[in-house]
Amino acid sequence: MSVSNFKNTKHQIVGRMTRPDKEKRSFVHIGSVIRGMLKNHRLGTDTSLIRVWDIWEEAVGEVIAANTRPAAFKGNLLIVNATSSSWLQQLRFLKPEIIQKINHVLREVPVKDIKFKIGPVD
């Protein structure tokens, strides 16, 4: 087999392997992917932290939820993305109340602190 034939063969194989059928493709919300990953890779005691994605709107309300999104955890620190610096300022004032509401809805105290930052909320 010549070098040019090998390159063409390799390209064709890779092309077939990386091109999924259009009918089988579907979009999945990133929150679902993150929840699934966390459920598989975090300790059982962290399940209440994972639930924050599910209860976010209920805990913080529709207006705040539309402009924020839980992004990650570091121990008992919840990192939350916000849409703008104006929201960051407002959220800093509301932080104790948000922590209390989250823990109340979860019926536990897994969130001890929140760090707000500008980031994607989609």
C-alpha atoms as a PDB file:
ATOM      1  CA  MET A   1       0.000   0.000   0.000  1.00  0.00           C
ATOM      2  CA  SER A   2       1.437   3.368  -0.953  1.00  0.00           C
ATOM      3  CA  VAL A   3       1.606   6.301   1.457  1.00  0.00           C
ATOM      4  CA  SER A   4      -1.110   8.177  -0.441  1.00  0.00           C
ATOM      5  CA  ASN A   5      -3.442   5.148  -0.274  1.00  0.00           C
ATOM      6  CA  PHE A   6      -2.791   4.772   3.445  1.00  0.00           C
ATOM      7  CA  LYS A   7      -3.658   8.424   4.081  1.00  0.00           C
ATOM      8  CA  ASN A   8      -6.882   8.134   2.092  1.00  0.00           C
ATOM      9  CA  THR A   9      -7.850   4.930   3.880  1.00  0.00           C
ATOM     10  CA  LYS A  10      -7.153   6.439   7.289  1.00  0.00           C
ATOM     11  CA  HIS A  11      -9.155   9.551   6.434  1.00  0.00           C
ATOM     12  CA  GLN A  12     -12.105   7.486   5.267  1.00  0.00           C
ATOM     13  CA  ILE A  13     -12.140   5.385   8.426  1.00  0.00           C
ATOM     14  CA  VAL A  14     -11.926   8.419  10.703  1.00  0.00           C
ATOM     15  CA  GLY A  15     -14.613  10.141   8.640  1.00  0.00           C
ATOM     16  CA  ARG A  16     -16.998   7.210   9.103  1.00  0.00           C
ATOM     17  CA  MET A  17     -16.274   6.876  12.800  1.00  0.00           C
ATOM     18  CA  THR A  18     -16.802  10.553  13.636  1.00  0.00           C
ATOM     19  CA  ARG A  19     -19.912  11.209  11.529  1.00  0.00           C
ATOM     20  CA  PRO A  20     -22.996  10.083  13.495  1.00  0.00           C
ATOM     21  CA  ASP A  21     -26.269   9.442  11.725  1.00  0.00           C
ATOM     22  CA  LYS A  22     -28.268  12.654  11.557  1.00  0.00           C
ATOM     23  CA  GLU A  23     -31.424  10.896  12.736  1.00  0.00           C
ATOM     24  CA  LYS A  24     -29.722   9.628  15.904  1.00  0.00           C
ATOM     25  CA  ARG A  25     -28.321  13.022  16.962  1.00  0.00           C
ATOM     26  CA  SER A  26     -30.101  14.931  19.693  1.00  0.00           C
ATOM     27  CA  PHE A  27     -29.133  17.810  21.909  1.00  0.00           C
ATOM     28  CA  VAL A  28     -28.897  17.320  25.658  1.00  0.00           C
ATOM     29  CA  HIS A  29     -29.018  20.170  28.172  1.00  0.00           C
ATOM     30  CA  ILE A  30     -25.642  20.681  29.860  1.00  0.00           C
ATOM     31  CA  GLY A  31     -27.297  20.545  33.285  1.00  0.00           C
ATOM     32  CA  SER A  32     -28.348  16.956  32.602  1.00  0.00           C
ATOM     33  CA  VAL A  33     -24.816  16.030  31.609  1.00  0.00           C
ATOM     34  CA  ILE A  34     -23.331  17.659  34.710  1.00  0.00           C
ATOM     35  CA  ARG A  35     -25.871  16.021  37.037  1.00  0.00           C
ATOM     36  CA  GLY A  36     -25.143  12.625  35.503  1.00  0.00           C
ATOM     37  CA  MET A  37     -21.406  13.117  35.782  1.00  0.00           C
ATOM     38  CA  LEU A  38     -21.596  14.304  39.387  1.00  0.00           C
ATOM     39  CA  LYS A  39     -23.865  11.422  40.389  1.00  0.00           C
ATOM     40  CA  ASN A  40     -21.311   8.992  38.978  1.00  0.00           C
ATOM     41  CA  HIS A  41     -18.201  10.647  40.378  1.00  0.00           C
ATOM     42  CA  ARG A  42     -19.096  12.271  43.731  1.00  0.00           C
ATOM     43  CA  LEU A  43     -19.478  10.542  47.064  1.00  0.00           C
ATOM     44  CA  GLY A  44     -22.939   9.496  48.192  1.00  0.00           C
ATOM     45  CA  THR A  45     -22.901  12.206  50.882  1.00  0.00           C
ATOM     46  CA  ASP A  46     -22.747  14.850  48.163  1.00  0.00           C
ATOM     47  CA  THR A  47     -26.098  13.982  46.604  1.00  0.00           C
ATOM     48  CA  SER A  48     -27.762  17.016  48.208  1.00  0.00           C
ATOM     49  CA  LEU A  49     -25.194  19.250  46.530  1.00  0.00           C
ATOM     50  CA  ILE A  50     -26.011  17.672  43.181  1.00  0.00           C
ATOM     51  CA  ARG A  51     -29.696  18.441  43.763  1.00  0.00           C
ATOM     52  CA  VAL A  52     -28.943  22.189  43.773  1.00  0.00           C
ATOM     53  CA  TRP A  53     -29.281  22.162  39.957  1.00  0.00           C
ATOM     54  CA  ASP A  54     -32.763  20.674  40.266  1.00  0.00           C
ATOM     55  CA  ILE A  55     -34.056  23.017  42.978  1.00  0.00           C
ATOM     56  CA  TRP A  56     -32.282  26.221  41.918  1.00  0.00           C
ATOM     57  CA  GLU A  57     -35.347  28.116  40.627  1.00  0.00           C
ATOM     58  CA  GLU A  58     -37.500  26.971  43.529  1.00  0.00           C
ATOM     59  CA  ALA A  59     -34.883  28.131  46.041  1.00  0.00           C
ATOM     60  CA  VAL A  60     -33.914  31.503  44.555  1.00  0.00           C
ATOM     61  CA  GLY A  61     -37.019  32.492  42.597  1.00  0.00           C
ATOM     62  CA  GLU A  62     -37.726  32.951  38.914  1.00  0.00           C
ATOM     63  CA  VAL A  63     -36.012  36.345  38.437  1.00  0.00           C
ATOM     64  CA  ILE A  64     -32.730  35.377  40.096  1.00  0.00           C
ATOM     65  CA  ALA A  65     -32.762  31.954  38.412  1.00  0.00           C
ATOM     66  CA  ALA A  66     -33.142  33.608  35.004  1.00  0.00           C
ATOM     67  CA  ASN A  67     -29.914  35.550  35.617  1.00  0.00           C
ATOM     68  CA  THR A  68     -27.844  32.967  37.493  1.00  0.00           C
ATOM     69  CA  ARG A  69     -26.869  29.316  37.331  1.00  0.00           C
ATOM     70  CA  PRO A  70     -24.979  27.018  39.710  1.00  0.00           C
ATOM     71  CA  ALA A  71     -21.640  26.272  38.062  1.00  0.00           C
ATOM     72  CA  ALA A  72     -19.601  24.070  40.415  1.00  0.00           C
ATOM     73  CA  PHE A  73     -18.835  22.960  43.954  1.00  0.00           C
ATOM     74  CA  LYS A  74     -15.640  23.064  45.961  1.00  0.00           C
ATOM     75  CA  GLY A  75     -16.430  21.249  49.180  1.00  0.00           C
ATOM     76  CA  ASN A  76     -19.340  23.180  50.712  1.00  0.00           C
ATOM     77  CA  LEU A  77     -18.676  26.240  48.522  1.00  0.00           C
ATOM     78  CA  LEU A  78     -21.192  26.705  45.711  1.00  0.00           C
ATOM     79  CA  ILE A  79     -19.923  28.657  42.713  1.00  0.00           C
ATOM     80  CA  VAL A  80     -22.690  30.475  40.845  1.00  0.00           C
ATOM     81  CA  ASN A  81     -22.469  32.176  37.453  1.00  0.00           C
ATOM     82  CA  ALA A  82     -24.300  35.470  36.950  1.00  0.00           C
ATOM     83  CA  THR A  83     -25.106  37.404  33.780  1.00  0.00           C
ATOM     84  CA  SER A  84     -23.554  40.766  34.724  1.00  0.00           C
ATOM     85  CA  SER A  85     -21.636  42.787  37.283  1.00  0.00           C
ATOM     86  CA  SER A  86     -24.914  44.409  38.360  1.00  0.00           C
ATOM     87  CA  TRP A  87     -26.234  40.977  39.267  1.00  0.00           C
ATOM     88  CA  LEU A  88     -22.988  40.140  41.092  1.00  0.00           C
ATOM     89  CA  GLN A  89     -23.458  43.177  43.318  1.00  0.00           C
ATOM     90  CA  GLN A  90     -27.095  42.368  44.052  1.00  0.00           C
ATOM     91  CA  LEU A  91     -26.309  38.702  44.739  1.00  0.00           C
ATOM     92  CA  ARG A  92     -23.601  39.619  47.249  1.00  0.00           C
ATOM     93  CA  PHE A  93     -26.238  41.455  49.292  1.00  0.00           C
ATOM     94  CA  LEU A  94     -28.614  38.482  49.029  1.00  0.00           C
ATOM     95  CA  LYS A  95     -25.980  35.804  49.710  1.00  0.00           C
ATOM     96  CA  PRO A  96     -27.004  34.880  53.305  1.00  0.00           C
ATOM     97  CA  GLU A  97     -30.659  34.654  52.258  1.00  0.00           C
ATOM     98  CA  ILE A  98     -29.829  32.525  49.183  1.00  0.00           C
ATOM     99  CA  ILE A  99     -27.736  30.106  51.257  1.00  0.00           C
ATOM    100  CA  GLN A 100     -30.566  29.796  53.769  1.00  0.00           C
ATOM    101  CA  LYS A 101     -33.190  29.201  51.047  1.00  0.00           C
ATOM    102  CA  ILE A 102     -31.089  26.545  49.276  1.00  0.00           C
ATOM    103  CA  ASN A 103     -30.442  24.664  52.505  1.00  0.00           C
ATOM    104  CA  HIS A 104     -34.109  24.999  53.508  1.00  0.00           C
ATOM    105  CA  VAL A 105     -35.332  23.496  50.217  1.00  0.00           C
ATOM    106  CA  LEU A 106     -32.729  20.706  50.469  1.00  0.00           C
ATOM    107  CA  ARG A 107     -33.643  20.163  54.157  1.00  0.00           C
ATOM    108  CA  GLU A 108     -29.937  19.963  54.934  1.00  0.00           C
ATOM    109  CA  VAL A 109     -26.991  22.350  55.248  1.00  0.00           C
ATOM    110  CA  PRO A 110     -24.679  21.314  52.401  1.00  0.00           C
ATOM    111  CA  VAL A 111     -24.041  24.885  51.177  1.00  0.00           C
ATOM    112  CA  LYS A 112     -22.017  26.937  53.640  1.00  0.00           C
ATOM    113  CA  ASP A 113     -20.790  29.646  51.270  1.00  0.00           C
ATOM    114  CA  ILE A 114     -21.389  30.948  47.745  1.00  0.00           C
ATOM    115  CA  LYS A 115     -18.984  32.629  45.355  1.00  0.00           C
ATOM    116  CA  PHE A 116     -20.563  34.586  42.515  1.00  0.00           C
ATOM    117  CA  LYS A 117     -18.824  35.236  39.204  1.00  0.00           C
ATOM    118  CA  ILE A 118     -19.763  36.379  35.732  1.00  0.00           C
ATOM    119  CA  GLY A 119     -20.272  33.401  33.467  1.00  0.00           C
ATOM    120  CA  PRO A 120     -22.696  31.512  31.224  1.00  0.00           C
ATOM    121  CA  VAL A 121     -26.173  30.847  32.573  1.00  0.00           C
ATOM    122  CA  ASP A 122     -27.627  28.909  29.619  1.00  0.00           C
END
